Amino acid sequence: MAEDTRVIVGVSGSLGNAAALRRAVAEAERRDAVLVPVIAWTPPGGEAAYRTRPCPPLSKLWERAAADRLDAAFARAFGGYPAHLRVEPVVIRGEAGPALVEIADRPDDLLVVGTGRRGGLRRFLHASVGRHCVARAACTVTAVPPSEAPALKAVAGQRSRVTSLAA
């Protein structure tokens, strides 16, 4: 395995994100690379609201919930983390687009993001993580549209392999 080669994938926990996860796993296999699934989270109401009334115990709960969503995404898509790959999951506090660009900071990284299903109004009201990454990433970005019928497997009791990073 090439130590410098990484495939980073943004994980949202949505069913539509399964196509991006499958593409990232396939690319990590093909490149003999480390798979780095990343889930970003922010406190409910955003950072500004949290700063007015910080609560570290709640912050830990929200971080744990994000880690659980990351684990659940892999459980649904693959039955757990692929055993044949080196997987280094990351939970990071911050907005998804900037967090992914920060982590995918090497020219030989591959960043995989889902495009999601958005109509004109939703696109106008919510910033696109994929568009942010394509415009600002230092590496190649692959934007994967959601598949029509993702093959999902539900497996309970998967052990977490998540690493947390403070933003």
C-alpha atoms as a PDB file:
ATOM      1  CA  MET A   1       0.000   0.000   0.000  1.00  0.00           C
ATOM      2  CA  ALA A   2       1.317   3.380  -0.935  1.00  0.00           C
ATOM      3  CA  GLU A   3       1.485   5.319   2.331  1.00  0.00           C
ATOM      4  CA  ASP A   4       0.857   8.678   0.673  1.00  0.00           C
ATOM      5  CA  THR A   5      -2.159   7.605  -1.347  1.00  0.00           C
ATOM      6  CA  ARG A   6      -5.511   8.441   0.230  1.00  0.00           C
ATOM      7  CA  VAL A   7      -9.113   8.358  -0.910  1.00  0.00           C
ATOM      8  CA  ILE A   8     -11.139  10.749   1.218  1.00  0.00           C
ATOM      9  CA  VAL A   9     -14.911  10.518   1.110  1.00  0.00           C
ATOM     10  CA  GLY A  10     -17.461  12.874   2.578  1.00  0.00           C
ATOM     11  CA  VAL A  11     -20.112  10.999   4.556  1.00  0.00           C
ATOM     12  CA  SER A  12     -23.482  12.565   5.226  1.00  0.00           C
ATOM     13  CA  GLY A  13     -25.313   9.559   6.602  1.00  0.00           C
ATOM     14  CA  SER A  14     -28.026   9.896   3.948  1.00  0.00           C
ATOM     15  CA  LEU A  15     -29.156   7.005   1.777  1.00  0.00           C
ATOM     16  CA  GLY A  16     -28.163   8.975  -1.327  1.00  0.00           C
ATOM     17  CA  ASN A  17     -24.585   9.127  -0.038  1.00  0.00           C
ATOM     18  CA  ALA A  18     -24.214   5.344  -0.489  1.00  0.00           C
ATOM     19  CA  ALA A  19     -23.155   5.786  -4.136  1.00  0.00           C
ATOM     20  CA  ALA A  20     -20.263   8.048  -3.086  1.00  0.00           C
ATOM     21  CA  LEU A  21     -19.217   5.524  -0.421  1.00  0.00           C
ATOM     22  CA  ARG A  22     -19.236   2.686  -2.952  1.00  0.00           C
ATOM     23  CA  ARG A  23     -17.184   4.745  -5.429  1.00  0.00           C
ATOM     24  CA  ALA A  24     -14.660   5.688  -2.731  1.00  0.00           C
ATOM     25  CA  VAL A  25     -14.212   2.068  -1.644  1.00  0.00           C
ATOM     26  CA  ALA A  26     -13.746   0.971  -5.265  1.00  0.00           C
ATOM     27  CA  GLU A  27     -11.170   3.730  -5.829  1.00  0.00           C
ATOM     28  CA  ALA A  28      -9.291   2.851  -2.625  1.00  0.00           C
ATOM     29  CA  GLU A  29      -9.153  -0.785  -3.760  1.00  0.00           C
ATOM     30  CA  ARG A  30      -8.007   0.159  -7.272  1.00  0.00           C
ATOM     31  CA  ARG A  31      -5.327   2.553  -6.001  1.00  0.00           C
ATOM     32  CA  ASP A  32      -4.277   0.396  -3.027  1.00  0.00           C
ATOM     33  CA  ALA A  33      -4.947   3.490  -0.930  1.00  0.00           C
ATOM     34  CA  VAL A  34      -6.013   4.358   2.592  1.00  0.00           C
ATOM     35  CA  LEU A  35      -9.753   5.077   2.789  1.00  0.00           C
ATOM     36  CA  VAL A  36     -10.507   8.161   4.904  1.00  0.00           C
ATOM     37  CA  PRO A  37     -14.264   8.563   5.440  1.00  0.00           C
ATOM     38  CA  VAL A  38     -15.038  11.981   6.937  1.00  0.00           C
ATOM     39  CA  ILE A  39     -18.168  13.219   8.653  1.00  0.00           C
ATOM     40  CA  ALA A  40     -18.346  16.866   9.671  1.00  0.00           C
ATOM     41  CA  TRP A  41     -20.703  18.207  12.314  1.00  0.00           C
ATOM     42  CA  THR A  42     -21.683  21.524  13.854  1.00  0.00           C
ATOM     43  CA  PRO A  43     -23.698  22.217  17.000  1.00  0.00           C
ATOM     44  CA  PRO A  44     -27.434  22.674  16.471  1.00  0.00           C
ATOM     45  CA  GLY A  45     -27.960  26.357  15.736  1.00  0.00           C
ATOM     46  CA  GLY A  46     -24.363  26.729  14.550  1.00  0.00           C
ATOM     47  CA  GLU A  47     -21.106  27.771  16.172  1.00  0.00           C
ATOM     48  CA  ALA A  48     -22.263  31.312  16.993  1.00  0.00           C
ATOM     49  CA  ALA A  49     -25.235  29.993  18.983  1.00  0.00           C
ATOM     50  CA  TYR A  50     -23.027  27.478  20.789  1.00  0.00           C
ATOM     51  CA  ARG A  51     -20.546  30.192  21.804  1.00  0.00           C
ATOM     52  CA  THR A  52     -23.318  32.104  23.589  1.00  0.00           C
ATOM     53  CA  ARG A  53     -24.051  29.104  25.831  1.00  0.00           C
ATOM     54  CA  PRO A  54     -21.305  26.495  25.530  1.00  0.00           C
ATOM     55  CA  CYS A  55     -21.962  23.068  26.989  1.00  0.00           C
ATOM     56  CA  PRO A  56     -19.039  20.631  26.642  1.00  0.00           C
ATOM     57  CA  PRO A  57     -21.093  17.565  27.676  1.00  0.00           C
ATOM     58  CA  LEU A  58     -23.604  18.303  24.901  1.00  0.00           C
ATOM     59  CA  SER A  59     -20.763  18.871  22.470  1.00  0.00           C
ATOM     60  CA  LYS A  60     -19.420  15.381  23.265  1.00  0.00           C
ATOM     61  CA  LEU A  61     -22.899  13.901  22.688  1.00  0.00           C
ATOM     62  CA  TRP A  62     -23.209  15.623  19.292  1.00  0.00           C
ATOM     63  CA  GLU A  63     -19.742  14.400  18.321  1.00  0.00           C
ATOM     64  CA  ARG A  64     -20.669  10.833  19.358  1.00  0.00           C
ATOM     65  CA  ALA A  65     -23.897  11.083  17.325  1.00  0.00           C
ATOM     66  CA  ALA A  66     -21.858  12.073  14.259  1.00  0.00           C
ATOM     67  CA  ALA A  67     -19.524   9.097  14.822  1.00  0.00           C
ATOM     68  CA  ASP A  68     -22.564   6.831  15.094  1.00  0.00           C
ATOM     69  CA  ARG A  69     -23.919   8.202  11.778  1.00  0.00           C
ATOM     70  CA  LEU A  70     -20.560   7.452  10.147  1.00  0.00           C
ATOM     71  CA  ASP A  71     -20.576   3.881  11.477  1.00  0.00           C
ATOM     72  CA  ALA A  72     -24.214   3.433  10.411  1.00  0.00           C
ATOM     73  CA  ALA A  73     -23.485   4.632   6.861  1.00  0.00           C
ATOM     74  CA  PHE A  74     -20.874   1.891   6.447  1.00  0.00           C
ATOM     75  CA  ALA A  75     -23.126  -0.674   8.118  1.00  0.00           C
ATOM     76  CA  ARG A  76     -25.926   0.134   5.640  1.00  0.00           C
ATOM     77  CA  ALA A  77     -23.687   0.221   2.572  1.00  0.00           C
ATOM     78  CA  PHE A  78     -21.274  -2.661   3.328  1.00  0.00           C
ATOM     79  CA  GLY A  79     -22.258  -4.368   6.565  1.00  0.00           C
ATOM     80  CA  GLY A  80     -19.438  -2.517   8.342  1.00  0.00           C
ATOM     81  CA  TYR A  81     -16.034  -1.097   7.503  1.00  0.00           C
ATOM     82  CA  PRO A  82     -14.340  -3.037   4.651  1.00  0.00           C
ATOM     83  CA  ALA A  83     -11.877  -5.419   6.327  1.00  0.00           C
ATOM     84  CA  HIS A  84      -9.655  -5.634   3.234  1.00  0.00           C
ATOM     85  CA  LEU A  85      -8.865  -1.888   3.296  1.00  0.00           C
ATOM     86  CA  ARG A  86      -6.991   0.316   5.707  1.00  0.00           C
ATOM     87  CA  VAL A  87      -9.753   2.630   6.915  1.00  0.00           C
ATOM     88  CA  GLU A  88      -9.084   5.752   8.987  1.00  0.00           C
ATOM     89  CA  PRO A  89     -12.502   7.305   9.779  1.00  0.00           C
ATOM     90  CA  VAL A  90     -12.565  10.930  10.916  1.00  0.00           C
ATOM     91  CA  VAL A  91     -15.181  12.982  12.754  1.00  0.00           C
ATOM     92  CA  ILE A  92     -14.482  16.708  12.527  1.00  0.00           C
ATOM     93  CA  ARG A  93     -16.285  19.696  13.951  1.00  0.00           C
ATOM     94  CA  GLY A  94     -16.982  22.212  11.200  1.00  0.00           C
ATOM     95  CA  GLU A  95     -18.888  22.787   7.986  1.00  0.00           C
ATOM     96  CA  ALA A  96     -18.609  19.844   5.585  1.00  0.00           C
ATOM     97  CA  GLY A  97     -17.081  21.609   2.550  1.00  0.00           C
ATOM     98  CA  PRO A  98     -14.267  23.428   4.366  1.00  0.00           C
ATOM     99  CA  ALA A  99     -13.558  20.371   6.546  1.00  0.00           C
ATOM    100  CA  LEU A 100     -13.168  18.082   3.519  1.00  0.00           C
ATOM    101  CA  VAL A 101     -10.922  20.565   1.717  1.00  0.00           C
ATOM    102  CA  GLU A 102      -8.780  20.896   4.862  1.00  0.00           C
ATOM    103  CA  ILE A 103      -8.315  17.121   5.166  1.00  0.00           C
ATOM    104  CA  ALA A 104      -7.798  16.464   1.430  1.00  0.00           C
ATOM    105  CA  ASP A 105      -4.724  18.682   1.350  1.00  0.00           C
ATOM    106  CA  ARG A 106      -2.288  16.573  -0.695  1.00  0.00           C
ATOM    107  CA  PRO A 107      -2.069  16.797  -4.490  1.00  0.00           C
ATOM    108  CA  ASP A 108      -2.216  12.971  -4.807  1.00  0.00           C
ATOM    109  CA  ASP A 109      -5.362  12.624  -2.653  1.00  0.00           C
ATOM    110  CA  LEU A 110      -8.678  11.784  -4.269  1.00  0.00           C
ATOM    111  CA  LEU A 111     -11.726  13.444  -2.700  1.00  0.00           C
ATOM    112  CA  VAL A 112     -15.078  11.758  -3.360  1.00  0.00           C
ATOM    113  CA  VAL A 113     -18.305  13.633  -2.628  1.00  0.00           C
ATOM    114  CA  GLY A 114     -21.946  12.937  -3.360  1.00  0.00           C
ATOM    115  CA  THR A 115     -23.907  15.414  -5.451  1.00  0.00           C
ATOM    116  CA  GLY A 116     -27.234  14.857  -3.715  1.00  0.00           C
ATOM    117  CA  ARG A 117     -30.626  15.481  -5.243  1.00  0.00           C
ATOM    118  CA  ARG A 118     -31.457  19.158  -5.244  1.00  0.00           C
ATOM    119  CA  GLY A 119     -34.056  21.216  -6.975  1.00  0.00           C
ATOM    120  CA  GLY A 120     -33.502  24.853  -7.873  1.00  0.00           C
ATOM    121  CA  LEU A 121     -34.888  26.237  -4.588  1.00  0.00           C
ATOM    122  CA  ARG A 122     -32.878  23.869  -2.372  1.00  0.00           C
ATOM    123  CA  ARG A 123     -29.725  24.645  -4.373  1.00  0.00           C
ATOM    124  CA  PHE A 124     -30.377  28.349  -3.830  1.00  0.00           C
ATOM    125  CA  LEU A 125     -31.011  28.012  -0.077  1.00  0.00           C
ATOM    126  CA  HIS A 126     -28.234  25.541   0.808  1.00  0.00           C
ATOM    127  CA  ALA A 127     -24.585  25.719  -0.188  1.00  0.00           C
ATOM    128  CA  SER A 128     -23.308  22.765  -2.178  1.00  0.00           C
ATOM    129  CA  VAL A 129     -20.552  20.794  -0.454  1.00  0.00           C
ATOM    130  CA  GLY A 130     -19.505  19.285  -3.780  1.00  0.00           C
ATOM    131  CA  ARG A 131     -19.284  22.672  -5.476  1.00  0.00           C
ATOM    132  CA  HIS A 132     -17.227  24.045  -2.570  1.00  0.00           C
ATOM    133  CA  CYS A 133     -14.806  21.117  -2.809  1.00  0.00           C
ATOM    134  CA  VAL A 134     -14.436  21.289  -6.586  1.00  0.00           C
ATOM    135  CA  ALA A 135     -13.653  25.008  -6.388  1.00  0.00           C
ATOM    136  CA  ARG A 136     -11.169  24.849  -3.503  1.00  0.00           C
ATOM    137  CA  ALA A 137      -9.602  21.398  -3.130  1.00  0.00           C
ATOM    138  CA  ALA A 138      -5.876  20.936  -3.742  1.00  0.00           C
ATOM    139  CA  CYS A 139      -6.553  17.461  -5.177  1.00  0.00           C
ATOM    140  CA  THR A 140      -8.776  15.715  -7.704  1.00  0.00           C
ATOM    141  CA  VAL A 141     -12.457  15.718  -6.736  1.00  0.00           C
ATOM    142  CA  THR A 142     -14.945  13.123  -7.955  1.00  0.00           C
ATOM    143  CA  ALA A 143     -18.605  14.135  -7.587  1.00  0.00           C
ATOM    144  CA  VAL A 144     -20.897  11.102  -7.579  1.00  0.00           C
ATOM    145  CA  PRO A 145     -24.641  11.429  -8.243  1.00  0.00           C
ATOM    146  CA  PRO A 146     -26.935   9.295  -6.088  1.00  0.00           C
ATOM    147  CA  SER A 147     -27.868   5.953  -7.613  1.00  0.00           C
ATOM    148  CA  GLU A 148     -31.502   5.113  -8.236  1.00  0.00           C
ATOM    149  CA  ALA A 149     -31.462   1.917  -6.172  1.00  0.00           C
ATOM    150  CA  PRO A 150     -28.535   1.751  -3.742  1.00  0.00           C
ATOM    151  CA  ALA A 151     -27.686  -1.734  -2.500  1.00  0.00           C
ATOM    152  CA  LEU A 152     -27.861  -1.380   1.268  1.00  0.00           C
ATOM    153  CA  LYS A 153     -27.272  -3.884   4.050  1.00  0.00           C
ATOM    154  CA  ALA A 154     -28.376  -3.310   7.641  1.00  0.00           C
ATOM    155  CA  VAL A 155     -26.042  -4.821  10.199  1.00  0.00           C
ATOM    156  CA  ALA A 156     -26.319  -4.057  13.905  1.00  0.00           C
ATOM    157  CA  GLY A 157     -23.540  -4.021  16.464  1.00  0.00           C
ATOM    158  CA  GLN A 158     -20.635  -2.797  14.311  1.00  0.00           C
ATOM    159  CA  ARG A 159     -17.694  -1.550  16.347  1.00  0.00           C
ATOM    160  CA  SER A 160     -16.710   2.059  15.829  1.00  0.00           C
ATOM    161  CA  ARG A 161     -13.293   2.847  14.241  1.00  0.00           C
ATOM    162  CA  VAL A 162     -13.696   6.601  14.290  1.00  0.00           C
ATOM    163  CA  THR A 163     -11.001   9.161  14.978  1.00  0.00           C
ATOM    164  CA  SER A 164     -12.091  12.609  16.088  1.00  0.00           C
ATOM    165  CA  LEU A 165     -10.396  15.823  15.009  1.00  0.00           C
ATOM    166  CA  ALA A 166     -11.037  19.231  16.506  1.00  0.00           C
ATOM    167  CA  ALA A 167     -11.523  21.922  13.887  1.00  0.00           C
END
